[in-house]
Amino acid sequence: MHLARARPRTGHYTLRISVNENPLSIAITLEGRIAGPWAVELGRTWAGLAPSVGKRKVALDLCNTTYADAAGIDVLRAIYGTTDAELVTSTPWTKYLAEEVTRATDIQAAEEQ
């Protein structure tokens, strides 16, 4: 398991990124805000993981995500767009976020056909 944490100046964790890997899948759990420098950190984490994905299934657990700005949504779209990741949600907000991530990617895929 890999764990990356981004901290604001106050010392409290704002985004927690947990990665659990096995031979069949990669699960990325996000807790907190995917915004600003924390979106960049998620992008770095993904850049490190992407080469090792291969044919493994990817799941993005958004259940404890509290906010995502445009940059955060872009990173989630990049992950979803390259892996067709399963987006795990639990609240109206996280379901909305998942719809935003998949909507643009699905529209782009349809336009490319």
PDB file of N, CA and C in Angstrom:
ATOM      1  N   MET A   1       0.849  -1.175   0.000  1.00  0.00           N
ATOM      2  CA  MET A   1       0.000   0.000   0.000  1.00  0.00           C
ATOM      3  C   MET A   1       0.892   1.235   0.000  1.00  0.00           C
ATOM      4  N   HIS A   2       0.561   2.177  -0.856  1.00  0.00           N
ATOM      5  CA  HIS A   2       1.250   3.463  -0.907  1.00  0.00           C
ATOM      6  C   HIS A   2       0.331   4.487  -0.266  1.00  0.00           C
ATOM      7  N   LEU A   3       0.909   5.470   0.372  1.00  0.00           N
ATOM      8  CA  LEU A   3       0.104   6.520   0.968  1.00  0.00           C
ATOM      9  C   LEU A   3       0.765   7.848   0.683  1.00  0.00           C
ATOM     10  N   ALA A   4       0.034   8.771   0.110  1.00  0.00           N
ATOM     11  CA  ALA A   4       0.541  10.118  -0.146  1.00  0.00           C
ATOM     12  C   ALA A   4      -0.381  11.088   0.559  1.00  0.00           C
ATOM     13  N   ARG A   5       0.172  12.061   1.190  1.00  0.00           N
ATOM     14  CA  ARG A   5      -0.640  13.058   1.879  1.00  0.00           C
ATOM     15  C   ARG A   5      -0.181  14.442   1.479  1.00  0.00           C
ATOM     16  N   ALA A   6      -1.130  15.277   1.241  1.00  0.00           N
ATOM     17  CA  ALA A   6      -0.832  16.680   0.965  1.00  0.00           C
ATOM     18  C   ALA A   6      -1.315  17.478   2.164  1.00  0.00           C
ATOM     19  N   ARG A   7      -0.522  18.398   2.621  1.00  0.00           N
ATOM     20  CA  ARG A   7      -0.866  19.183   3.798  1.00  0.00           C
ATOM     21  C   ARG A   7      -0.966  20.664   3.484  1.00  0.00           C
ATOM     22  N   PRO A   8      -1.951  21.331   4.040  1.00  0.00           N
ATOM     23  CA  PRO A   8      -1.952  22.786   3.946  1.00  0.00           C
ATOM     24  C   PRO A   8      -0.987  23.341   4.989  1.00  0.00           C
ATOM     25  N   ARG A   9      -0.838  24.611   5.013  1.00  0.00           N
ATOM     26  CA  ARG A   9       0.096  25.237   5.947  1.00  0.00           C
ATOM     27  C   ARG A   9      -0.275  25.023   7.411  1.00  0.00           C
ATOM     28  N   THR A  10      -1.532  24.751   7.686  1.00  0.00           N
ATOM     29  CA  THR A  10      -1.951  24.566   9.075  1.00  0.00           C
ATOM     30  C   THR A  10      -1.515  23.230   9.641  1.00  0.00           C
ATOM     31  N   GLY A  11      -1.041  22.298   8.799  1.00  0.00           N
ATOM     32  CA  GLY A  11      -0.594  21.008   9.269  1.00  0.00           C
ATOM     33  C   GLY A  11      -1.676  19.944   9.244  1.00  0.00           C
ATOM     34  N   HIS A  12      -2.916  20.296   8.937  1.00  0.00           N
ATOM     35  CA  HIS A  12      -3.977  19.307   8.840  1.00  0.00           C
ATOM     36  C   HIS A  12      -3.977  18.719   7.440  1.00  0.00           C
ATOM     37  N   TYR A  13      -4.285  17.453   7.356  1.00  0.00           N
ATOM     38  CA  TYR A  13      -4.332  16.814   6.046  1.00  0.00           C
ATOM     39  C   TYR A  13      -5.547  17.277   5.279  1.00  0.00           C
ATOM     40  N   THR A  14      -5.327  17.632   4.040  1.00  0.00           N
ATOM     41  CA  THR A  14      -6.406  18.087   3.187  1.00  0.00           C
ATOM     42  C   THR A  14      -6.770  17.023   2.161  1.00  0.00           C
ATOM     43  N   LEU A  15      -5.806  16.258   1.694  1.00  0.00           N
ATOM     44  CA  LEU A  15      -6.085  15.155   0.785  1.00  0.00           C
ATOM     45  C   LEU A  15      -5.245  13.969   1.217  1.00  0.00           C
ATOM     46  N   ARG A  16      -5.907  12.855   1.349  1.00  0.00           N
ATOM     47  CA  ARG A  16      -5.209  11.609   1.648  1.00  0.00           C
ATOM     48  C   ARG A  16      -5.428  10.687   0.455  1.00  0.00           C
ATOM     49  N   ILE A  17      -4.339  10.176  -0.075  1.00  0.00           N
ATOM     50  CA  ILE A  17      -4.375   9.280  -1.225  1.00  0.00           C
ATOM     51  C   ILE A  17      -3.827   7.938  -0.774  1.00  0.00           C
ATOM     52  N   SER A  18      -4.654   6.912  -0.807  1.00  0.00           N
ATOM     53  CA  SER A  18      -4.220   5.561  -0.454  1.00  0.00           C
ATOM     54  C   SER A  18      -4.294   4.703  -1.701  1.00  0.00           C
ATOM     55  N   VAL A  19      -3.244   3.921  -1.932  1.00  0.00           N
ATOM     56  CA  VAL A  19      -3.201   3.050  -3.100  1.00  0.00           C
ATOM     57  C   VAL A  19      -2.974   1.618  -2.633  1.00  0.00           C
ATOM     58  N   ASN A  20      -3.894   0.741  -3.002  1.00  0.00           N
ATOM     59  CA  ASN A  20      -3.763  -0.678  -2.714  1.00  0.00           C
ATOM     60  C   ASN A  20      -3.650  -1.417  -4.033  1.00  0.00           C
ATOM     61  N   GLU A  21      -2.563  -2.154  -4.187  1.00  0.00           N
ATOM     62  CA  GLU A  21      -2.319  -2.877  -5.427  1.00  0.00           C
ATOM     63  C   GLU A  21      -2.286  -4.378  -5.169  1.00  0.00           C
ATOM     64  N   ASN A  22      -2.781  -5.126  -6.142  1.00  0.00           N
ATOM     65  CA  ASN A  22      -2.597  -6.568  -6.160  1.00  0.00           C
ATOM     66  C   ASN A  22      -2.432  -6.966  -7.624  1.00  0.00           C
ATOM     67  N   PRO A  23      -2.190  -8.239  -7.910  1.00  0.00           N
ATOM     68  CA  PRO A  23      -1.941  -8.623  -9.313  1.00  0.00           C
ATOM     69  C   PRO A  23      -3.109  -8.347 -10.269  1.00  0.00           C
ATOM     70  N   LEU A  24      -4.335  -8.223  -9.747  1.00  0.00           N
ATOM     71  CA  LEU A  24      -5.493  -8.028 -10.607  1.00  0.00           C
ATOM     72  C   LEU A  24      -6.032  -6.613 -10.643  1.00  0.00           C
ATOM     73  N   SER A  25      -5.711  -5.804  -9.622  1.00  0.00           N
ATOM     74  CA  SER A  25      -6.332  -4.480  -9.552  1.00  0.00           C
ATOM     75  C   SER A  25      -5.486  -3.474  -8.788  1.00  0.00           C
ATOM     76  N   ILE A  26      -5.875  -2.216  -8.988  1.00  0.00           N
ATOM     77  CA  ILE A  26      -5.317  -1.091  -8.240  1.00  0.00           C
ATOM     78  C   ILE A  26      -6.506  -0.292  -7.721  1.00  0.00           C
ATOM     79  N   ALA A  27      -6.546  -0.072  -6.423  1.00  0.00           N
ATOM     80  CA  ALA A  27      -7.604   0.733  -5.814  1.00  0.00           C
ATOM     81  C   ALA A  27      -6.988   2.011  -5.266  1.00  0.00           C
ATOM     82  N   ILE A  28      -7.520   3.139  -5.696  1.00  0.00           N
ATOM     83  CA  ILE A  28      -7.047   4.442  -5.234  1.00  0.00           C
ATOM     84  C   ILE A  28      -8.176   5.056  -4.419  1.00  0.00           C
ATOM     85  N   THR A  29      -7.917   5.303  -3.145  1.00  0.00           N
ATOM     86  CA  THR A  29      -8.907   5.900  -2.261  1.00  0.00           C
ATOM     87  C   THR A  29      -8.518   7.343  -1.995  1.00  0.00           C
ATOM     88  N   LEU A  30      -9.466   8.249  -2.225  1.00  0.00           N
ATOM     89  CA  LEU A  30      -9.226   9.681  -2.039  1.00  0.00           C
ATOM     90  C   LEU A  30     -10.101  10.186  -0.909  1.00  0.00           C
ATOM     91  N   GLU A  31      -9.483  10.889   0.036  1.00  0.00           N
ATOM     92  CA  GLU A  31     -10.213  11.437   1.167  1.00  0.00           C
ATOM     93  C   GLU A  31      -9.867  12.917   1.304  1.00  0.00           C
ATOM     94  N   GLY A  32     -10.868  13.774   1.154  1.00  0.00           N
ATOM     95  CA  GLY A  32     -10.648  15.210   1.300  1.00  0.00           C
ATOM     96  C   GLY A  32     -10.866  15.955   0.004  1.00  0.00           C
ATOM     97  N   ARG A  33     -10.102  17.038  -0.148  1.00  0.00           N
ATOM     98  CA  ARG A  33     -10.279  17.972  -1.265  1.00  0.00           C
ATOM     99  C   ARG A  33      -9.256  17.699  -2.363  1.00  0.00           C
ATOM    100  N   ILE A  34      -9.750  17.551  -3.595  1.00  0.00           N
ATOM    101  CA  ILE A  34      -8.873  17.393  -4.752  1.00  0.00           C
ATOM    102  C   ILE A  34      -8.843  18.752  -5.442  1.00  0.00           C
ATOM    103  N   ALA A  35      -7.967  19.594  -4.968  1.00  0.00           N
ATOM    104  CA  ALA A  35      -7.937  20.977  -5.447  1.00  0.00           C
ATOM    105  C   ALA A  35      -6.529  21.538  -5.322  1.00  0.00           C
ATOM    106  N   GLY A  36      -6.223  22.473  -6.212  1.00  0.00           N
ATOM    107  CA  GLY A  36      -4.957  23.184  -6.151  1.00  0.00           C
ATOM    108  C   GLY A  36      -3.768  22.248  -6.110  1.00  0.00           C
ATOM    109  N   PRO A  37      -2.873  22.445  -5.135  1.00  0.00           N
ATOM    110  CA  PRO A  37      -1.664  21.617  -5.067  1.00  0.00           C
ATOM    111  C   PRO A  37      -1.981  20.150  -4.798  1.00  0.00           C
ATOM    112  N   TRP A  38      -3.126  19.864  -4.238  1.00  0.00           N
ATOM    113  CA  TRP A  38      -3.503  18.483  -3.946  1.00  0.00           C
ATOM    114  C   TRP A  38      -3.922  17.760  -5.212  1.00  0.00           C
ATOM    115  N   ALA A  39      -4.471  18.492  -6.171  1.00  0.00           N
ATOM    116  CA  ALA A  39      -4.758  17.909  -7.485  1.00  0.00           C
ATOM    117  C   ALA A  39      -3.443  17.568  -8.184  1.00  0.00           C
ATOM    118  N   VAL A  40      -2.465  18.446  -8.037  1.00  0.00           N
ATOM    119  CA  VAL A  40      -1.137  18.199  -8.604  1.00  0.00           C
ATOM    120  C   VAL A  40      -0.530  16.950  -7.974  1.00  0.00           C
ATOM    121  N   GLU A  41      -0.669  16.806  -6.672  1.00  0.00           N
ATOM    122  CA  GLU A  41      -0.138  15.625  -5.975  1.00  0.00           C
ATOM    123  C   GLU A  41      -0.813  14.349  -6.460  1.00  0.00           C
ATOM    124  N   LEU A  42      -2.121  14.389  -6.672  1.00  0.00           N
ATOM    125  CA  LEU A  42      -2.819  13.233  -7.227  1.00  0.00           C
ATOM    126  C   LEU A  42      -2.280  12.923  -8.626  1.00  0.00           C
ATOM    127  N   GLY A  43      -2.045  13.950  -9.418  1.00  0.00           N
ATOM    128  CA  GLY A  43      -1.463  13.753 -10.749  1.00  0.00           C
ATOM    129  C   GLY A  43      -0.096  13.093 -10.683  1.00  0.00           C
ATOM    130  N   ARG A  44       0.736  13.507  -9.731  1.00  0.00           N
ATOM    131  CA  ARG A  44       2.059  12.897  -9.552  1.00  0.00           C
ATOM    132  C   ARG A  44       1.936  11.433  -9.132  1.00  0.00           C
ATOM    133  N   THR A  45       1.019  11.192  -8.208  1.00  0.00           N
ATOM    134  CA  THR A  45       0.803   9.818  -7.750  1.00  0.00           C
ATOM    135  C   THR A  45       0.374   8.951  -8.927  1.00  0.00           C
ATOM    136  N   TRP A  46      -0.571   9.450  -9.734  1.00  0.00           N
ATOM    137  CA  TRP A  46      -1.038   8.694 -10.890  1.00  0.00           C
ATOM    138  C   TRP A  46       0.089   8.485 -11.896  1.00  0.00           C
ATOM    139  N   ALA A  47       0.902   9.504 -12.141  1.00  0.00           N
ATOM    140  CA  ALA A  47       2.009   9.379 -13.086  1.00  0.00           C
ATOM    141  C   ALA A  47       2.963   8.265 -12.661  1.00  0.00           C
ATOM    142  N   GLY A  48       3.138   8.088 -11.368  1.00  0.00           N
ATOM    143  CA  GLY A  48       3.983   7.013 -10.876  1.00  0.00           C
ATOM    144  C   GLY A  48       3.345   5.640 -11.007  1.00  0.00           C
ATOM    145  N   LEU A  49       2.026   5.597 -10.916  1.00  0.00           N
ATOM    146  CA  LEU A  49       1.298   4.325 -11.007  1.00  0.00           C
ATOM    147  C   LEU A  49       1.004   3.887 -12.431  1.00  0.00           C
ATOM    148  N   ALA A  50       0.719   4.829 -13.298  1.00  0.00           N
ATOM    149  CA  ALA A  50       0.227   4.534 -14.647  1.00  0.00           C
ATOM    150  C   ALA A  50       1.059   3.499 -15.403  1.00  0.00           C
ATOM    151  N   PRO A  51       2.390   3.588 -15.375  1.00  0.00           N
ATOM    152  CA  PRO A  51       3.168   2.609 -16.140  1.00  0.00           C
ATOM    153  C   PRO A  51       2.984   1.163 -15.664  1.00  0.00           C
ATOM    154  N   SER A  52       2.564   0.969 -14.423  1.00  0.00           N
ATOM    155  CA  SER A  52       2.433  -0.386 -13.886  1.00  0.00           C
ATOM    156  C   SER A  52       1.023  -0.944 -13.962  1.00  0.00           C
ATOM    157  N   VAL A  53       0.075  -0.187 -14.534  1.00  0.00           N
ATOM    158  CA  VAL A  53      -1.323  -0.642 -14.558  1.00  0.00           C
ATOM    159  C   VAL A  53      -1.496  -1.865 -15.440  1.00  0.00           C
ATOM    160  N   GLY A  54      -1.002  -1.817 -16.645  1.00  0.00           N
ATOM    161  CA  GLY A  54      -1.169  -2.940 -17.562  1.00  0.00           C
ATOM    162  C   GLY A  54      -2.638  -3.264 -17.764  1.00  0.00           C
ATOM    163  N   LYS A  55      -3.004  -4.519 -17.587  1.00  0.00           N
ATOM    164  CA  LYS A  55      -4.387  -4.957 -17.775  1.00  0.00           C
ATOM    165  C   LYS A  55      -5.168  -5.000 -16.457  1.00  0.00           C
ATOM    166  N   ARG A  56      -4.568  -4.497 -15.392  1.00  0.00           N
ATOM    167  CA  ARG A  56      -5.269  -4.511 -14.107  1.00  0.00           C
ATOM    168  C   ARG A  56      -6.434  -3.543 -14.110  1.00  0.00           C
ATOM    169  N   LYS A  57      -7.470  -3.886 -13.361  1.00  0.00           N
ATOM    170  CA  LYS A  57      -8.618  -2.999 -13.202  1.00  0.00           C
ATOM    171  C   LYS A  57      -8.245  -1.915 -12.200  1.00  0.00           C
ATOM    172  N   VAL A  58      -8.777  -0.719 -12.438  1.00  0.00           N
ATOM    173  CA  VAL A  58      -8.522   0.413 -11.552  1.00  0.00           C
ATOM    174  C   VAL A  58      -9.849   0.857 -10.959  1.00  0.00           C
ATOM    175  N   ALA A  59      -9.841   1.103  -9.658  1.00  0.00           N
ATOM    176  CA  ALA A  59     -11.019   1.643  -8.970  1.00  0.00           C
ATOM    177  C   ALA A  59     -10.613   2.930  -8.269  1.00  0.00           C
ATOM    178  N   LEU A  60     -11.428   3.964  -8.433  1.00  0.00           N
ATOM    179  CA  LEU A  60     -11.237   5.239  -7.731  1.00  0.00           C
ATOM    180  C   LEU A  60     -12.339   5.360  -6.700  1.00  0.00           C
ATOM    181  N   ASP A  61     -11.963   5.303  -5.438  1.00  0.00           N
ATOM    182  CA  ASP A  61     -12.942   5.417  -4.359  1.00  0.00           C
ATOM    183  C   ASP A  61     -13.072   6.893  -4.000  1.00  0.00           C
ATOM    184  N   LEU A  62     -14.208   7.472  -4.363  1.00  0.00           N
ATOM    185  CA  LEU A  62     -14.473   8.894  -4.122  1.00  0.00           C
ATOM    186  C   LEU A  62     -15.366   9.111  -2.901  1.00  0.00           C
ATOM    187  N   CYS A  63     -15.691   8.055  -2.171  1.00  0.00           N
ATOM    188  CA  CYS A  63     -16.684   8.126  -1.088  1.00  0.00           C
ATOM    189  C   CYS A  63     -16.397   9.224  -0.063  1.00  0.00           C
ATOM    190  N   ASN A  64     -15.135   9.474   0.216  1.00  0.00           N
ATOM    191  CA  ASN A  64     -14.784  10.481   1.220  1.00  0.00           C
ATOM    192  C   ASN A  64     -14.180  11.739   0.605  1.00  0.00           C
ATOM    193  N   THR A  65     -14.454  11.952  -0.678  1.00  0.00           N
ATOM    194  CA  THR A  65     -14.016  13.177  -1.341  1.00  0.00           C
ATOM    195  C   THR A  65     -15.018  14.278  -1.000  1.00  0.00           C
ATOM    196  N   THR A  66     -14.512  15.420  -0.566  1.00  0.00           N
ATOM    197  CA  THR A  66     -15.393  16.502  -0.140  1.00  0.00           C
ATOM    198  C   THR A  66     -15.487  17.650  -1.142  1.00  0.00           C
ATOM    199  N   TYR A  67     -14.524  17.730  -2.075  1.00  0.00           N
ATOM    200  CA  TYR A  67     -14.521  18.836  -3.033  1.00  0.00           C
ATOM    201  C   TYR A  67     -13.528  18.504  -4.134  1.00  0.00           C
ATOM    202  N   ALA A  68     -13.784  18.985  -5.335  1.00  0.00           N
ATOM    203  CA  ALA A  68     -12.823  18.884  -6.429  1.00  0.00           C
ATOM    204  C   ALA A  68     -12.958  20.126  -7.295  1.00  0.00           C
ATOM    205  N   ASP A  69     -11.838  20.803  -7.536  1.00  0.00           N
ATOM    206  CA  ASP A  69     -11.866  21.948  -8.437  1.00  0.00           C
ATOM    207  C   ASP A  69     -11.636  21.449  -9.869  1.00  0.00           C
ATOM    208  N   ALA A  70     -11.547  22.363 -10.818  1.00  0.00           N
ATOM    209  CA  ALA A  70     -11.394  21.984 -12.229  1.00  0.00           C
ATOM    210  C   ALA A  70     -10.131  21.155 -12.450  1.00  0.00           C
ATOM    211  N   ALA A  71      -9.043  21.523 -11.788  1.00  0.00           N
ATOM    212  CA  ALA A  71      -7.795  20.766 -11.939  1.00  0.00           C
ATOM    213  C   ALA A  71      -7.954  19.354 -11.383  1.00  0.00           C
ATOM    214  N   GLY A  72      -8.645  19.222 -10.274  1.00  0.00           N
ATOM    215  CA  GLY A  72      -8.884  17.910  -9.686  1.00  0.00           C
ATOM    216  C   GLY A  72      -9.738  17.042 -10.589  1.00  0.00           C
ATOM    217  N   ILE A  73     -10.774  17.628 -11.156  1.00  0.00           N
ATOM    218  CA  ILE A  73     -11.635  16.892 -12.079  1.00  0.00           C
ATOM    219  C   ILE A  73     -10.843  16.478 -13.315  1.00  0.00           C
ATOM    220  N   ASP A  74      -9.955  17.343 -13.784  1.00  0.00           N
ATOM    221  CA  ASP A  74      -9.125  16.999 -14.942  1.00  0.00           C
ATOM    222  C   ASP A  74      -8.238  15.786 -14.656  1.00  0.00           C
ATOM    223  N   VAL A  75      -7.665  15.723 -13.462  1.00  0.00           N
ATOM    224  CA  VAL A  75      -6.826  14.570 -13.109  1.00  0.00           C
ATOM    225  C   VAL A  75      -7.681  13.303 -13.049  1.00  0.00           C
ATOM    226  N   LEU A  76      -8.854  13.406 -12.436  1.00  0.00           N
ATOM    227  CA  LEU A  76      -9.749  12.250 -12.375  1.00  0.00           C
ATOM    228  C   LEU A  76     -10.156  11.812 -13.780  1.00  0.00           C
ATOM    229  N   ARG A  77     -10.414  12.763 -14.666  1.00  0.00           N
ATOM    230  CA  ARG A  77     -10.764  12.433 -16.061  1.00  0.00           C
ATOM    231  C   ARG A  77      -9.610  11.734 -16.760  1.00  0.00           C
ATOM    232  N   ALA A  78      -8.399  12.182 -16.497  1.00  0.00           N
ATOM    233  CA  ALA A  78      -7.229  11.551 -17.112  1.00  0.00           C
ATOM    234  C   ALA A  78      -7.107  10.097 -16.662  1.00  0.00           C
ATOM    235  N   ILE A  79      -7.316   9.858 -15.377  1.00  0.00           N
ATOM    236  CA  ILE A  79      -7.242   8.491 -14.863  1.00  0.00           C
ATOM    237  C   ILE A  79      -8.357   7.648 -15.477  1.00  0.00           C
ATOM    238  N   TYR A  80      -9.566   8.170 -15.435  1.00  0.00           N
ATOM    239  CA  TYR A  80     -10.721   7.449 -15.983  1.00  0.00           C
ATOM    240  C   TYR A  80     -10.561   7.217 -17.484  1.00  0.00           C
ATOM    241  N   GLY A  81     -10.106   8.236 -18.185  1.00  0.00           N
ATOM    242  CA  GLY A  81      -9.984   8.150 -19.631  1.00  0.00           C
ATOM    243  C   GLY A  81      -8.967   7.132 -20.107  1.00  0.00           C
ATOM    244  N   THR A  82      -7.913   6.901 -19.331  1.00  0.00           N
ATOM    245  CA  THR A  82      -6.892   5.941 -19.742  1.00  0.00           C
ATOM    246  C   THR A  82      -7.146   4.538 -19.214  1.00  0.00           C
ATOM    247  N   THR A  83      -8.016   4.404 -18.212  1.00  0.00           N
ATOM    248  CA  THR A  83      -8.210   3.088 -17.590  1.00  0.00           C
ATOM    249  C   THR A  83      -9.648   2.617 -17.560  1.00  0.00           C
ATOM    250  N   ASP A  84     -10.599   3.487 -17.838  1.00  0.00           N
ATOM    251  CA  ASP A  84     -12.021   3.174 -17.663  1.00  0.00           C
ATOM    252  C   ASP A  84     -12.261   2.702 -16.226  1.00  0.00           C
ATOM    253  N   ALA A  85     -11.660   3.412 -15.292  1.00  0.00           N
ATOM    254  CA  ALA A  85     -11.724   3.044 -13.878  1.00  0.00           C
ATOM    255  C   ALA A  85     -13.150   2.998 -13.361  1.00  0.00           C
ATOM    256  N   GLU A  86     -13.374   2.130 -12.397  1.00  0.00           N
ATOM    257  CA  GLU A  86     -14.646   2.109 -11.684  1.00  0.00           C
ATOM    258  C   GLU A  86     -14.624   3.270 -10.693  1.00  0.00           C
ATOM    259  N   LEU A  87     -15.657   4.088 -10.686  1.00  0.00           N
ATOM    260  CA  LEU A  87     -15.745   5.208  -9.752  1.00  0.00           C
ATOM    261  C   LEU A  87     -16.709   4.811  -8.641  1.00  0.00           C
ATOM    262  N   VAL A  88     -16.194   4.714  -7.426  1.00  0.00           N
ATOM    263  CA  VAL A  88     -16.983   4.288  -6.282  1.00  0.00           C
ATOM    264  C   VAL A  88     -17.483   5.529  -5.549  1.00  0.00           C
ATOM    265  N   THR A  89     -18.795   5.627  -5.363  1.00  0.00           N
ATOM    266  CA  THR A  89     -19.403   6.795  -4.739  1.00  0.00           C
ATOM    267  C   THR A  89     -20.337   6.368  -3.615  1.00  0.00           C
ATOM    268  N   SER A  90     -20.712   7.349  -2.769  1.00  0.00           N
ATOM    269  CA  SER A  90     -21.621   7.016  -1.669  1.00  0.00           C
ATOM    270  C   SER A  90     -22.591   8.133  -1.314  1.00  0.00           C
ATOM    271  N   THR A  91     -22.371   9.325  -1.840  1.00  0.00           N
ATOM    272  CA  THR A  91     -23.216  10.467  -1.497  1.00  0.00           C
ATOM    273  C   THR A  91     -23.671  11.156  -2.781  1.00  0.00           C
ATOM    274  N   PRO A  92     -24.669  12.010  -2.686  1.00  0.00           N
ATOM    275  CA  PRO A  92     -25.059  12.769  -3.880  1.00  0.00           C
ATOM    276  C   PRO A  92     -23.891  13.559  -4.478  1.00  0.00           C
ATOM    277  N   TRP A  93     -23.061  14.142  -3.613  1.00  0.00           N
ATOM    278  CA  TRP A  93     -21.920  14.917  -4.117  1.00  0.00           C
ATOM    279  C   TRP A  93     -20.956  14.027  -4.887  1.00  0.00           C
ATOM    280  N   THR A  94     -20.585  12.867  -4.342  1.00  0.00           N
ATOM    281  CA  THR A  94     -19.620  12.019  -5.033  1.00  0.00           C
ATOM    282  C   THR A  94     -20.218  11.404  -6.297  1.00  0.00           C
ATOM    283  N   LYS A  95     -21.527  11.166  -6.310  1.00  0.00           N
ATOM    284  CA  LYS A  95     -22.183  10.684  -7.530  1.00  0.00           C
ATOM    285  C   LYS A  95     -22.139  11.766  -8.603  1.00  0.00           C
ATOM    286  N   TYR A  96     -22.375  13.007  -8.210  1.00  0.00           N
ATOM    287  CA  TYR A  96     -22.282  14.135  -9.146  1.00  0.00           C
ATOM    288  C   TYR A  96     -20.859  14.245  -9.698  1.00  0.00           C
ATOM    289  N   LEU A  97     -19.877  14.135  -8.810  1.00  0.00           N
ATOM    290  CA  LEU A  97     -18.479  14.212  -9.235  1.00  0.00           C
ATOM    291  C   LEU A  97     -18.170  13.115 -10.249  1.00  0.00           C
ATOM    292  N   ALA A  98     -18.608  11.904  -9.986  1.00  0.00           N
ATOM    293  CA  ALA A  98     -18.378  10.793 -10.912  1.00  0.00           C
ATOM    294  C   ALA A  98     -19.041  11.072 -12.262  1.00  0.00           C
ATOM    295  N   GLU A  99     -20.240  11.641 -12.238  1.00  0.00           N
ATOM    296  CA  GLU A  99     -20.919  11.986 -13.494  1.00  0.00           C
ATOM    297  C   GLU A  99     -20.135  13.036 -14.275  1.00  0.00           C
ATOM    298  N   GLU A 100     -19.588  14.016 -13.567  1.00  0.00           N
ATOM    299  CA  GLU A 100     -18.781  15.046 -14.233  1.00  0.00           C
ATOM    300  C   GLU A 100     -17.538  14.433 -14.866  1.00  0.00           C
ATOM    301  N   VAL A 101     -16.909  13.526 -14.170  1.00  0.00           N
ATOM    302  CA  VAL A 101     -15.695  12.881 -14.671  1.00  0.00           C
ATOM    303  C   VAL A 101     -16.016  12.048 -15.910  1.00  0.00           C
ATOM    304  N   THR A 102     -17.074  11.266 -15.860  1.00  0.00           N
ATOM    305  CA  THR A 102     -17.385  10.367 -16.969  1.00  0.00           C
ATOM    306  C   THR A 102     -18.044  11.082 -18.137  1.00  0.00           C
ATOM    307  N   ARG A 103     -18.803  12.121 -17.857  1.00  0.00           N
ATOM    308  CA  ARG A 103     -19.528  12.821 -18.933  1.00  0.00           C
ATOM    309  C   ARG A 103     -18.581  13.353 -19.992  1.00  0.00           C
ATOM    310  N   ALA A 104     -17.615  14.114 -19.606  1.00  0.00           N
ATOM    311  CA  ALA A 104     -16.703  14.719 -20.583  1.00  0.00           C
ATOM    312  C   ALA A 104     -15.889  13.650 -21.302  1.00  0.00           C
ATOM    313  N   THR A 105     -15.485  12.628 -20.600  1.00  0.00           N
ATOM    314  CA  THR A 105     -14.696  11.572 -21.211  1.00  0.00           C
ATOM    315  C   THR A 105     -15.537  10.794 -22.211  1.00  0.00           C
ATOM    316  N   ASP A 106     -16.782  10.491 -21.853  1.00  0.00           N
ATOM    317  CA  ASP A 106     -17.675   9.757 -22.750  1.00  0.00           C
ATOM    318  C   ASP A 106     -18.004  10.576 -23.994  1.00  0.00           C
ATOM    319  N   ILE A 107     -18.216  11.881 -23.834  1.00  0.00           N
ATOM    320  CA  ILE A 107     -18.500  12.756 -24.969  1.00  0.00           C
ATOM    321  C   ILE A 107     -17.291  12.807 -25.897  1.00  0.00           C
ATOM    322  N   GLN A 108     -16.101  12.935 -25.324  1.00  0.00           N
ATOM    323  CA  GLN A 108     -14.883  12.993 -26.126  1.00  0.00           C
ATOM    324  C   GLN A 108     -14.684  11.686 -26.900  1.00  0.00           C
ATOM    325  N   ALA A 109     -14.945  10.555 -26.265  1.00  0.00           N
ATOM    326  CA  ALA A 109     -14.790   9.258 -26.932  1.00  0.00           C
ATOM    327  C   ALA A 109     -15.779   9.135 -28.093  1.00  0.00           C
ATOM    328  N   ALA A 110     -17.009   9.616 -27.890  1.00  0.00           N
ATOM    329  CA  ALA A 110     -18.017   9.556 -28.938  1.00  0.00           C
ATOM    330  C   ALA A 110     -17.626  10.433 -30.126  1.00  0.00           C
ATOM    331  N   GLU A 111     -17.027  11.585 -29.847  1.00  0.00           N
ATOM    332  CA  GLU A 111     -16.614  12.496 -30.915  1.00  0.00           C
ATOM    333  C   GLU A 111     -15.468  11.919 -31.725  1.00  0.00           C
ATOM    334  N   GLU A 112     -14.616  11.108 -31.092  1.00  0.00           N
ATOM    335  CA  GLU A 112     -13.459  10.538 -31.785  1.00  0.00           C
ATOM    336  C   GLU A 112     -13.861   9.392 -32.692  1.00  0.00           C
ATOM    337  N   GLN A 113     -15.050   8.830 -32.504  1.00  0.00           N
ATOM    338  CA  GLN A 113     -15.475   7.680 -33.325  1.00  0.00           C
ATOM    339  C   GLN A 113     -15.985   8.095 -34.624  1.00  0.00           C
TER     340      GLN A 113
END
